Amino acid sequence: MNVESSMCASSGKKLTWDQLDWPRHQRQVRRLQARIVKATQEGRWGKVKTLQWLLTHSFSGKALAVKRVTENQGKRTPGVDRIIWKTPKAKLKAIETLTCRGYRPQPLRRVYIPKANGKQRPLGIPTMKDRAMQALYLLALEPVAETTAAPNSYGFRPKRSTADAIEQCFNALSGKSDAEWVLEGDIKGCFDHISHDWMLQNIRMDKRILQKWLKSGYMDKRTLYPTEAGTPQGGIISPTLANLTLDGMEAMLTQHFSKMRKVDGKRARLKVNMVRYADDFIITGGSKELLEMEVRPLVEQFLKERGLVLSPEKTCITHIETGFDFLGQNIRKYDGKMLIKPSKKNVKAFLDKVRGTIRANKSASQVNLIGLLNPVIRGWANYHRHIVASQAFGRADFEIWRRLWQWAKRRHPGIFCRWVRKRYFHHMGKSAWTFAAPTNGRTTDGEPVWLKLACARNTRLRRHIKIRSDANPFDPRWSQYFSEGEFWRIFGITRRAAGITPL
């Protein structure tokens, strides 16, 4: 179906952006993605290439690509051309510009964001058109990436989260006979140093388009710099390219350490397991010597072929009784019992953010301050709701209350504390110190609607149910699992307990 026929109604009039049949376009793209998955599973790479061509040249794929880049968080962030697509007319016109013939991406706009260690992370911001082209080709590449992905890779993949990675860590380390040593791995400048030659030889997508993106360069302070390696952080397709680059590591370790060996005259498992989230990963092992003398050299050789190296500062080997931090949470055994808690660094960063928000809004109204704090508190509490977090939640709530009490007293110097408490803190439910304020809204009884500060300790803690390692959201055979599985995972019920037989 060509662009003109897709954009015209039965009356012959040209459709507007709001009149596009999005469910139909979504179904057409999903149908092609399912065929790509099947061809990938059968190893028919010629058919994969043909189906990818059909998807990237379809009106449905182009429309969904434009829709994605004009509705995500970066929709107001321009590239070097300072152009953004805001109006429906501009969005509709943008669909027609997504063609590979004569396509030349513009340089990236280099920006810097602060890191936790005080350094700055460089980001490359493509133009809107380049972002849309990346989103279009990602629609064709992602089914291949999901079909060939490592079982225990969880970063930047659909339907997977950090909670899945943490739960896999628990599965690999919690048992009495499980591994006791952990290699904490971190790749130095992963996105900036991936070999272009390796990606062009091994990534299953249009090589000409990929090469243009990799060699587009970037603009920093009005100076053009070439890009000889890496894929830019900030590009829509970059996380998937990084995952495809690192996916073979787990298979390599599994093949090398699958057999049992004799230890002290007895056959023993080597207990080598890998959990990876983007470029952060851990590898478990039965002994420190195994990880130091065998596993680490294999990993370094694997990364060297792709132009990458391990970060000396962040890569170390730790005993499980000492514990380690992974994805903002601390994993450690206490007298043989595995407990996963929010890491001290993560709690400190959260409290620093809350304190900074309160400090920056000394003269703000109570309603506005609560509106700024609630998303931060709820987001942090929901992130840690699957682990042992009650103590951390209680401490966080106390620190927040202490800062808010100081904020309230500062606004009324010389006033009795009892009056300040009555003005800003109220008895609601079981709490006598609820930081709340009446809004302009009214209930049906004419009573004012109160806006209350969120409390982390009120967050319900429940065990996360990890996604199955081989689940593929682009494979129609897993559609029932994802449609029903989301319900059971949200409410903390296992599929077996619910009487659902796994696929």
Protein backbone atom coordinates (compact mmCIF):
# COMPACT_ATOMS: atom_id res chain seq x y z
CA MET A 1 0.00 0.00 0.00
CA ASN A 2 1.55 3.31 -1.08
CA VAL A 3 1.52 6.54 0.87
CA GLU A 4 -1.19 8.23 -1.20
CA SER A 5 -3.68 5.38 -0.91
CA SER A 6 -3.04 5.05 2.81
CA MET A 7 -3.51 8.74 3.48
CA CYS A 8 -6.71 9.10 1.48
CA ALA A 9 -10.16 8.30 2.70
CA SER A 10 -12.81 6.63 0.58
CA SER A 11 -14.07 10.07 -0.43
CA GLY A 12 -10.69 10.93 -1.93
CA LYS A 13 -9.89 13.57 0.66
CA LYS A 14 -6.50 13.56 2.30
CA LEU A 15 -6.50 12.27 5.87
CA THR A 16 -5.24 14.37 8.74
CA TRP A 17 -2.86 13.13 11.44
CA ASP A 18 -5.68 12.59 13.92
CA GLN A 19 -7.67 10.54 11.41
CA LEU A 20 -5.02 7.88 10.91
CA ASP A 21 -6.18 4.40 11.90
CA TRP A 22 -3.49 3.64 14.50
CA PRO A 23 -4.78 0.17 15.57
CA ARG A 24 -4.69 -0.97 11.93
CA HIS A 25 -1.16 0.34 11.41
CA GLN A 26 -0.09 -1.34 14.64
CA ARG A 27 -1.54 -4.67 13.49
CA GLN A 28 0.23 -4.45 10.14
CA VAL A 29 3.59 -3.79 11.79
CA ARG A 30 3.07 -6.57 14.37
CA ARG A 31 2.22 -9.00 11.56
CA LEU A 32 5.49 -8.25 9.77
CA GLN A 33 7.44 -8.44 13.05
CA ALA A 34 5.95 -11.88 13.75
CA ARG A 35 7.09 -13.07 10.33
CA ILE A 36 10.58 -11.70 11.03
CA VAL A 37 10.69 -13.67 14.28
CA LYS A 38 9.70 -16.89 12.52
CA ALA A 39 12.29 -16.40 9.77
CA THR A 40 14.97 -15.66 12.39
CA GLN A 41 14.12 -18.82 14.32
CA GLU A 42 14.46 -20.83 11.11
CA GLY A 43 17.76 -19.16 10.22
CA ARG A 44 16.40 -17.82 6.92
CA TRP A 45 18.37 -14.59 6.92
CA GLY A 46 17.51 -13.75 3.31
CA LYS A 47 13.84 -13.74 4.18
CA VAL A 48 14.57 -11.71 7.30
CA LYS A 49 16.22 -9.07 5.12
CA THR A 50 13.25 -9.03 2.73
CA LEU A 51 10.72 -8.67 5.53
CA GLN A 52 12.76 -5.90 7.14
CA TRP A 53 12.75 -4.07 3.80
CA LEU A 54 8.96 -4.39 3.58
CA LEU A 55 8.51 -3.02 7.10
CA THR A 56 10.88 -0.08 6.70
CA HIS A 57 9.21 0.90 3.41
CA SER A 58 5.63 0.55 4.67
CA PHE A 59 3.43 3.51 5.49
CA SER A 60 2.40 1.88 8.77
CA GLY A 61 6.00 1.56 9.94
CA LYS A 62 6.81 5.17 9.02
CA ALA A 63 3.67 6.48 10.72
CA LEU A 64 4.41 4.62 13.95
CA ALA A 65 8.02 5.83 13.87
CA VAL A 66 6.93 9.46 13.59
CA LYS A 67 4.32 8.92 16.29
CA ARG A 68 6.97 7.57 18.66
CA VAL A 69 9.46 10.42 18.30
CA THR A 70 6.76 13.09 18.54
CA GLU A 71 5.16 11.69 21.70
CA ASN A 72 8.10 10.56 23.83
CA GLN A 73 10.01 12.61 26.41
CA GLY A 74 12.43 14.00 23.84
CA LYS A 75 9.77 15.39 21.53
CA ARG A 76 10.76 18.97 22.40
CA THR A 77 14.51 18.40 22.13
CA PRO A 78 15.83 19.41 18.70
CA GLY A 79 19.00 18.29 16.95
CA VAL A 80 21.56 20.45 15.18
CA ASP A 81 18.92 21.76 12.77
CA ARG A 82 16.78 23.03 15.69
CA ILE A 83 13.64 21.59 14.06
CA ILE A 84 10.88 19.81 15.97
CA TRP A 85 7.60 18.41 14.70
CA LYS A 86 4.86 19.95 16.82
CA THR A 87 1.83 20.39 14.57
CA PRO A 88 -0.27 17.55 13.07
CA LYS A 89 0.52 18.91 9.62
CA ALA A 90 4.27 18.70 10.27
CA LYS A 91 3.94 15.15 11.59
CA LEU A 92 1.96 14.02 8.56
CA LYS A 93 4.46 15.62 6.19
CA ALA A 94 7.33 13.97 8.09
CA ILE A 95 6.01 10.52 7.15
CA GLU A 96 6.67 11.24 3.49
CA THR A 97 10.30 12.26 4.19
CA LEU A 98 11.29 8.87 5.70
CA THR A 99 12.90 7.35 2.61
CA CYS A 100 16.28 5.66 2.33
CA ARG A 101 16.95 6.97 -1.19
CA GLY A 102 19.23 9.96 -0.84
CA TYR A 103 19.06 9.82 2.94
CA ARG A 104 22.03 11.41 4.74
CA PRO A 105 21.87 11.78 8.54
CA GLN A 106 23.03 15.05 10.04
CA PRO A 107 25.67 15.23 12.80
CA LEU A 108 24.59 14.67 16.37
CA ARG A 109 24.22 17.56 18.79
CA ARG A 110 26.57 16.86 21.70
CA VAL A 111 25.26 17.61 25.20
CA TYR A 112 26.57 16.58 28.61
CA ILE A 113 24.68 15.35 31.68
CA PRO A 114 26.20 14.90 35.16
CA LYS A 115 26.99 11.41 36.47
CA ALA A 116 26.82 10.19 40.07
CA ASN A 117 30.62 10.26 40.41
CA GLY A 118 30.82 13.93 39.44
CA LYS A 119 31.91 13.32 35.85
CA GLN A 120 29.84 14.12 32.79
CA ARG A 121 28.25 11.66 30.37
CA PRO A 122 28.18 12.75 26.71
CA LEU A 123 24.91 12.36 24.83
CA GLY A 124 24.40 12.63 21.10
CA ILE A 125 21.05 14.13 20.11
CA PRO A 126 19.98 13.29 16.52
CA THR A 127 17.64 15.46 14.51
CA MET A 128 13.93 14.62 14.50
CA LYS A 129 14.19 13.03 11.05
CA ASP A 130 17.18 10.91 12.06
CA ARG A 131 15.36 9.86 15.24
CA ALA A 132 12.33 8.84 13.19
CA MET A 133 14.53 6.85 10.79
CA GLN A 134 16.13 5.09 13.74
CA ALA A 135 12.70 4.32 15.21
CA LEU A 136 11.60 2.94 11.84
CA TYR A 137 14.57 0.61 11.47
CA LEU A 138 14.29 -0.37 15.12
CA LEU A 139 10.82 -1.76 14.37
CA ALA A 140 12.52 -4.17 11.95
CA LEU A 141 15.61 -4.91 14.06
CA GLU A 142 14.00 -5.46 17.47
CA PRO A 143 12.25 -8.76 16.55
CA VAL A 144 15.64 -10.16 15.51
CA ALA A 145 17.29 -8.84 18.69
CA GLU A 146 14.59 -10.37 20.92
CA THR A 147 14.76 -13.75 19.17
CA THR A 148 18.54 -14.01 19.48
CA ALA A 149 18.86 -12.24 22.85
CA ALA A 150 20.69 -13.75 25.83
CA PRO A 151 18.29 -15.38 28.34
CA ASN A 152 19.44 -13.23 31.25
CA SER A 153 19.80 -9.85 29.57
CA TYR A 154 17.24 -7.39 30.94
CA GLY A 155 18.30 -3.87 30.00
CA PHE A 156 16.50 -1.88 27.28
CA ARG A 157 14.29 -4.78 26.27
CA PRO A 158 10.47 -4.73 26.01
CA LYS A 159 8.57 -6.32 28.91
CA ARG A 160 11.76 -6.59 31.00
CA SER A 161 12.90 -4.47 33.92
CA THR A 162 15.49 -4.11 36.65
CA ALA A 163 13.18 -6.10 38.93
CA ASP A 164 13.60 -9.11 36.63
CA ALA A 165 17.38 -8.78 36.79
CA ILE A 166 17.37 -8.55 40.61
CA GLU A 167 15.06 -11.57 40.87
CA GLN A 168 17.44 -13.58 38.67
CA CYS A 169 20.30 -12.59 41.00
CA PHE A 170 18.24 -13.97 43.88
CA ASN A 171 17.61 -17.22 41.98
CA ALA A 172 21.32 -17.65 41.22
CA LEU A 173 22.69 -16.80 44.69
CA SER A 174 20.08 -17.48 47.38
CA GLY A 175 20.42 -21.28 47.75
CA LYS A 176 22.75 -22.91 50.28
CA SER A 177 24.65 -24.71 47.52
CA ASP A 178 24.71 -21.74 45.12
CA ALA A 179 27.77 -19.74 44.15
CA GLU A 180 29.41 -17.59 46.82
CA TRP A 181 31.63 -15.40 44.67
CA VAL A 182 30.53 -12.68 42.26
CA LEU A 183 32.40 -10.85 39.51
CA GLU A 184 30.97 -7.34 39.26
CA GLY A 185 31.60 -6.19 35.73
CA ASP A 186 31.34 -2.76 34.18
CA ILE A 187 32.36 -1.91 30.63
CA LYS A 188 34.34 1.29 30.23
CA GLY A 189 32.53 3.70 27.92
CA CYS A 190 30.51 0.92 26.32
CA PHE A 191 28.44 3.07 23.95
CA ASP A 192 31.45 5.17 22.94
CA HIS A 193 33.87 2.40 22.01
CA ILE A 194 31.96 -0.40 20.25
CA SER A 195 33.80 -1.32 17.06
CA HIS A 196 32.08 -0.06 13.93
CA ASP A 197 33.57 -2.88 11.86
CA TRP A 198 32.15 -5.49 14.22
CA MET A 199 28.67 -3.97 14.14
CA LEU A 200 28.66 -3.65 10.35
CA GLN A 201 29.64 -7.32 10.01
CA ASN A 202 27.27 -8.78 12.62
CA ILE A 203 24.18 -6.58 13.05
CA ARG A 204 21.27 -7.90 10.95
CA MET A 205 19.98 -4.69 9.36
CA ASP A 206 20.57 -2.47 6.34
CA LYS A 207 24.36 -1.97 6.36
CA ARG A 208 24.27 1.25 4.36
CA ILE A 209 21.88 2.95 6.75
CA LEU A 210 23.78 1.66 9.79
CA GLN A 211 27.10 2.90 8.42
CA LYS A 212 25.65 6.36 7.77
CA TRP A 213 24.48 6.60 11.38
CA LEU A 214 27.77 5.39 12.80
CA LYS A 215 29.85 7.77 10.69
CA SER A 216 27.61 10.86 10.96
CA GLY A 217 29.88 12.65 13.49
CA TYR A 218 28.80 15.12 16.15
CA MET A 219 28.77 18.87 16.72
CA ASP A 220 30.30 20.22 19.94
CA LYS A 221 30.58 23.99 20.39
CA ARG A 222 30.06 24.55 16.65
CA THR A 223 32.90 22.18 15.75
CA LEU A 224 32.31 18.98 13.74
CA TYR A 225 34.06 15.86 15.08
CA PRO A 226 34.17 12.49 13.31
CA THR A 227 32.96 9.28 14.99
CA GLU A 228 35.38 6.40 14.51
CA ALA A 229 33.85 4.06 17.10
CA GLY A 230 30.78 3.63 19.26
CA THR A 231 27.08 4.23 18.93
CA PRO A 232 25.75 7.48 20.40
CA GLN A 233 23.98 7.54 23.75
CA GLY A 234 20.78 9.37 22.98
CA GLY A 235 19.91 7.52 19.78
CA ILE A 236 16.72 5.45 19.84
CA ILE A 237 18.38 2.42 18.26
CA SER A 238 21.64 2.60 20.25
CA PRO A 239 20.55 0.44 23.25
CA THR A 240 19.47 -2.37 20.92
CA LEU A 241 22.79 -2.18 19.03
CA ALA A 242 24.66 -2.41 22.35
CA ASN A 243 22.57 -5.40 23.43
CA LEU A 244 23.27 -7.20 20.16
CA THR A 245 26.97 -6.53 20.66
CA LEU A 246 27.03 -8.06 24.17
CA ASP A 247 24.49 -10.88 23.77
CA GLY A 248 27.04 -13.56 22.91
CA MET A 249 28.84 -13.28 26.26
CA GLU A 250 26.42 -15.44 28.24
CA ALA A 251 26.35 -18.15 25.54
CA MET A 252 30.16 -18.20 25.50
CA LEU A 253 30.33 -18.69 29.28
CA THR A 254 27.60 -21.34 29.24
CA GLN A 255 29.40 -23.33 26.57
CA HIS A 256 32.77 -23.08 28.29
CA PHE A 257 31.59 -23.92 31.83
CA SER A 258 28.69 -26.27 31.15
CA LYS A 259 30.55 -29.41 32.25
CA MET A 260 31.33 -30.40 35.82
CA ARG A 261 34.93 -30.60 37.03
CA LYS A 262 36.77 -32.40 39.76
CA VAL A 263 37.42 -30.27 42.83
CA ASP A 264 39.35 -31.94 45.68
CA GLY A 265 38.77 -35.28 44.01
CA LYS A 266 34.99 -34.80 43.70
CA ARG A 267 32.87 -33.75 40.76
CA ALA A 268 31.39 -30.30 41.35
CA ARG A 269 29.39 -27.69 39.44
CA LEU A 270 31.22 -24.51 38.54
CA LYS A 271 28.11 -22.41 39.27
CA VAL A 272 28.87 -19.88 36.55
CA ASN A 273 25.79 -17.74 35.86
CA MET A 274 25.47 -14.34 34.27
CA VAL A 275 22.95 -11.52 34.79
CA ARG A 276 23.27 -8.44 32.60
CA TYR A 277 21.46 -5.11 32.48
CA ALA A 278 22.77 -3.04 29.56
CA ASP A 279 26.54 -2.72 30.14
CA ASP A 280 26.40 -3.62 33.86
CA PHE A 281 26.63 -7.32 34.65
CA ILE A 282 27.51 -9.86 37.31
CA ILE A 283 28.93 -13.34 36.88
CA THR A 284 28.72 -15.88 39.69
CA GLY A 285 31.31 -18.57 40.35
CA GLY A 286 32.13 -21.36 42.76
CA SER A 287 35.48 -19.84 43.74
CA LYS A 288 37.41 -16.60 43.53
CA GLU A 289 40.19 -18.29 41.57
CA LEU A 290 37.72 -19.50 38.92
CA LEU A 291 36.42 -15.99 38.34
CA GLU A 292 39.86 -14.38 38.41
CA MET A 293 41.87 -16.90 36.37
CA GLU A 294 39.29 -18.24 33.89
CA VAL A 295 36.10 -16.18 33.68
CA ARG A 296 37.61 -12.71 33.59
CA PRO A 297 40.15 -13.48 30.81
CA LEU A 298 37.35 -14.97 28.69
CA VAL A 299 35.21 -11.89 29.19
CA GLU A 300 38.11 -9.57 28.36
CA GLN A 301 38.83 -11.50 25.17
CA PHE A 302 35.16 -11.41 24.19
CA LEU A 303 35.02 -7.64 24.70
CA LYS A 304 38.34 -7.02 22.94
CA GLU A 305 36.91 -8.41 19.69
CA ARG A 306 34.22 -5.74 19.92
CA GLY A 307 36.57 -2.88 20.81
CA LEU A 308 35.59 -2.84 24.51
CA VAL A 309 37.42 -3.20 27.82
CA LEU A 310 36.40 -3.70 31.43
CA SER A 311 36.54 -0.69 33.73
CA PRO A 312 39.38 -1.32 36.24
CA GLU A 313 37.76 0.91 38.87
CA LYS A 314 34.32 -0.74 38.83
CA THR A 315 35.19 -4.36 38.07
CA CYS A 316 35.90 -6.46 41.16
CA ILE A 317 35.28 -9.88 42.73
CA THR A 318 33.18 -9.99 45.91
CA HIS A 319 32.03 -12.65 48.36
CA ILE A 320 28.29 -12.90 48.84
CA GLU A 321 28.65 -12.50 52.62
CA THR A 322 30.23 -9.08 51.96
CA GLY A 323 27.53 -8.18 49.48
CA PHE A 324 27.53 -5.98 46.41
CA ASP A 325 25.44 -3.22 44.85
CA PHE A 326 23.65 -3.88 41.58
CA LEU A 327 21.10 -1.58 39.94
CA GLY A 328 20.68 0.54 43.06
CA GLN A 329 20.10 -2.41 45.39
CA ASN A 330 22.37 -4.28 47.78
CA ILE A 331 22.50 -8.07 47.46
CA ARG A 332 24.00 -9.86 50.43
CA LYS A 333 23.73 -13.00 52.57
CA TYR A 334 23.33 -12.56 56.32
CA ASP A 335 24.25 -15.81 58.11
CA GLY A 336 23.34 -17.76 55.00
CA LYS A 337 20.06 -15.92 54.29
CA MET A 338 19.82 -13.77 51.18
CA LEU A 339 18.43 -10.27 51.72
CA ILE A 340 18.13 -7.63 49.01
CA LYS A 341 17.80 -4.05 50.26
CA PRO A 342 18.06 -0.55 48.76
CA SER A 343 21.74 0.34 48.54
CA LYS A 344 23.12 3.10 50.75
CA LYS A 345 24.18 5.11 47.69
CA ASN A 346 20.70 4.87 46.23
CA VAL A 347 19.02 5.97 49.47
CA LYS A 348 21.45 8.88 49.82
CA ALA A 349 20.88 10.00 46.23
CA PHE A 350 17.11 9.88 46.76
CA LEU A 351 17.24 11.88 49.99
CA ASP A 352 19.63 14.40 48.43
CA LYS A 353 17.14 14.92 45.61
CA VAL A 354 14.27 15.42 48.07
CA ARG A 355 16.31 17.83 50.20
CA GLY A 356 17.31 19.76 47.10
CA THR A 357 13.67 20.08 46.02
CA ILE A 358 12.63 21.35 49.45
CA ARG A 359 15.59 23.75 49.60
CA ALA A 360 14.78 25.16 46.16
CA ASN A 361 11.13 25.79 47.08
CA LYS A 362 11.37 27.66 50.37
CA SER A 363 8.68 30.15 49.35
CA ALA A 364 6.47 27.77 47.38
CA SER A 365 2.98 26.96 48.56
CA GLN A 366 2.40 23.71 50.42
CA VAL A 367 0.26 22.33 47.60
CA ASN A 368 2.96 23.03 44.99
CA LEU A 369 5.67 21.49 47.17
CA ILE A 370 3.63 18.32 47.68
CA GLY A 371 3.03 18.18 43.93
CA LEU A 372 6.79 18.27 43.33
CA LEU A 373 7.68 15.69 45.99
CA ASN A 374 4.99 13.06 45.42
CA PRO A 375 6.22 11.78 42.02
CA VAL A 376 9.77 11.50 43.37
CA ILE A 377 8.73 9.61 46.51
CA ARG A 378 6.30 7.29 44.72
CA GLY A 379 8.77 6.53 41.94
CA TRP A 380 11.55 5.64 44.37
CA ALA A 381 9.27 3.54 46.58
CA ASN A 382 7.77 1.66 43.62
CA TYR A 383 11.25 0.86 42.32
CA HIS A 384 12.15 -0.86 45.60
CA ARG A 385 8.74 -2.37 46.42
CA HIS A 386 9.83 -5.90 45.47
CA ILE A 387 12.66 -6.23 48.02
CA VAL A 388 13.32 -5.91 51.76
CA ALA A 389 12.74 -2.18 51.96
CA SER A 390 10.62 -1.51 55.09
CA GLN A 391 13.54 -0.19 57.12
CA ALA A 392 14.79 2.02 54.30
CA PHE A 393 11.27 3.36 53.70
CA GLY A 394 10.88 4.24 57.39
CA ARG A 395 14.19 6.06 57.49
CA ALA A 396 13.38 7.96 54.29
CA ASP A 397 9.99 9.07 55.63
CA PHE A 398 11.59 10.30 58.83
CA GLU A 399 14.26 12.30 56.98
CA ILE A 400 11.62 13.83 54.72
CA TRP A 401 9.46 14.74 57.73
CA ARG A 402 12.46 16.35 59.45
CA ARG A 403 13.22 18.50 56.40
CA LEU A 404 9.59 19.51 56.01
CA TRP A 405 9.37 20.48 59.68
CA GLN A 406 12.37 22.75 59.20
CA TRP A 407 10.77 24.14 56.03
CA ALA A 408 7.52 24.91 57.91
CA LYS A 409 9.21 26.53 60.93
CA ARG A 410 11.38 28.72 58.69
CA ARG A 411 8.28 30.20 57.08
CA HIS A 412 6.96 31.40 60.45
CA PRO A 413 9.85 32.50 62.69
CA GLY A 414 8.84 33.29 66.25
CA ILE A 415 5.54 31.38 66.00
CA PHE A 416 4.74 28.58 68.44
CA CYS A 417 5.55 25.08 67.18
CA ARG A 418 2.03 23.94 68.07
CA TRP A 419 0.56 26.49 65.62
CA VAL A 420 3.02 25.46 62.88
CA ARG A 421 2.11 21.82 63.36
CA LYS A 422 -1.62 22.56 63.20
CA ARG A 423 -1.08 24.66 60.06
CA TYR A 424 0.91 22.13 58.02
CA PHE A 425 0.56 18.68 59.65
CA HIS A 426 -2.78 16.99 60.23
CA HIS A 427 -4.21 13.85 61.81
CA MET A 428 -5.34 11.63 58.95
CA GLY A 429 -5.95 7.93 59.31
CA LYS A 430 -3.36 6.37 61.60
CA SER A 431 -0.85 9.19 61.16
CA ALA A 432 -0.92 12.29 63.38
CA TRP A 433 1.77 14.06 61.33
CA THR A 434 0.43 13.97 57.78
CA PHE A 435 1.86 16.76 55.65
CA ALA A 436 -1.27 17.83 53.76
CA ALA A 437 -3.03 20.90 52.42
CA PRO A 438 -6.55 21.62 51.15
CA THR A 439 -6.92 22.19 47.41
CA ASN A 440 -9.46 24.23 45.49
CA GLY A 441 -11.51 21.12 44.76
CA ARG A 442 -14.60 20.11 46.71
CA THR A 443 -16.23 16.76 47.45
CA THR A 444 -19.91 16.05 46.82
CA ASP A 445 -20.55 16.98 50.46
CA GLY A 446 -18.89 20.35 50.01
CA GLU A 447 -15.80 19.40 51.99
CA PRO A 448 -12.36 20.48 50.66
CA VAL A 449 -10.21 17.92 48.89
CA TRP A 450 -6.89 17.41 50.66
CA LEU A 451 -3.57 16.80 48.93
CA LYS A 452 -1.38 14.54 51.08
CA LEU A 453 2.33 13.89 50.89
CA ALA A 454 3.10 10.34 49.77
CA CYS A 455 4.73 8.09 52.37
CA ALA A 456 7.17 5.44 51.24
CA ARG A 457 6.24 3.13 54.11
CA ASN A 458 2.65 2.95 52.80
CA THR A 459 3.89 1.22 49.64
CA ARG A 460 2.87 -2.41 49.58
CA LEU A 461 5.86 -4.77 49.40
CA ARG A 462 5.44 -7.90 47.30
CA ARG A 463 7.74 -10.36 45.59
CA HIS A 464 8.33 -9.76 41.89
CA ILE A 465 7.52 -12.59 39.51
CA LYS A 466 10.34 -12.75 36.97
CA ILE A 467 9.55 -12.96 33.31
CA ARG A 468 10.41 -16.25 31.62
CA SER A 469 13.82 -16.08 30.02
CA ASP A 470 12.66 -17.28 26.59
CA ALA A 471 9.52 -15.12 26.43
CA ASN A 472 9.40 -13.11 23.20
CA PRO A 473 6.81 -10.28 22.93
CA PHE A 474 7.06 -10.35 19.11
CA ASP A 475 6.32 -14.08 18.84
CA PRO A 476 2.56 -14.80 18.53
CA ARG A 477 3.02 -18.01 20.52
CA TRP A 478 3.73 -15.88 23.60
CA SER A 479 0.78 -13.51 23.20
CA GLN A 480 -1.34 -15.35 25.80
CA TYR A 481 1.55 -15.33 28.26
CA PHE A 482 1.97 -11.57 28.03
CA SER A 483 -1.74 -10.73 27.98
CA GLU A 484 -2.51 -12.85 31.06
CA GLY A 485 0.92 -12.78 32.66
CA GLU A 486 0.85 -9.01 33.15
CA PHE A 487 -2.19 -9.37 35.41
CA TRP A 488 -0.65 -12.08 37.55
CA ARG A 489 2.67 -10.24 37.84
CA ILE A 490 0.97 -7.01 38.88
CA PHE A 491 -0.99 -8.69 41.67
CA GLY A 492 1.85 -10.94 42.78
CA ILE A 493 0.22 -14.27 41.87
CA THR A 494 2.15 -17.05 40.19
CA ARG A 495 0.70 -18.56 37.05
CA ARG A 496 0.93 -22.02 38.59
CA ALA A 497 -1.06 -20.91 41.65
CA ALA A 498 -3.65 -19.41 39.36
CA GLY A 499 -4.02 -22.71 37.51
CA ILE A 500 -2.50 -21.51 34.23
CA THR A 501 -0.26 -23.99 32.50
CA PRO A 502 2.96 -22.44 31.15
CA LEU A 503 3.46 -22.54 27.40
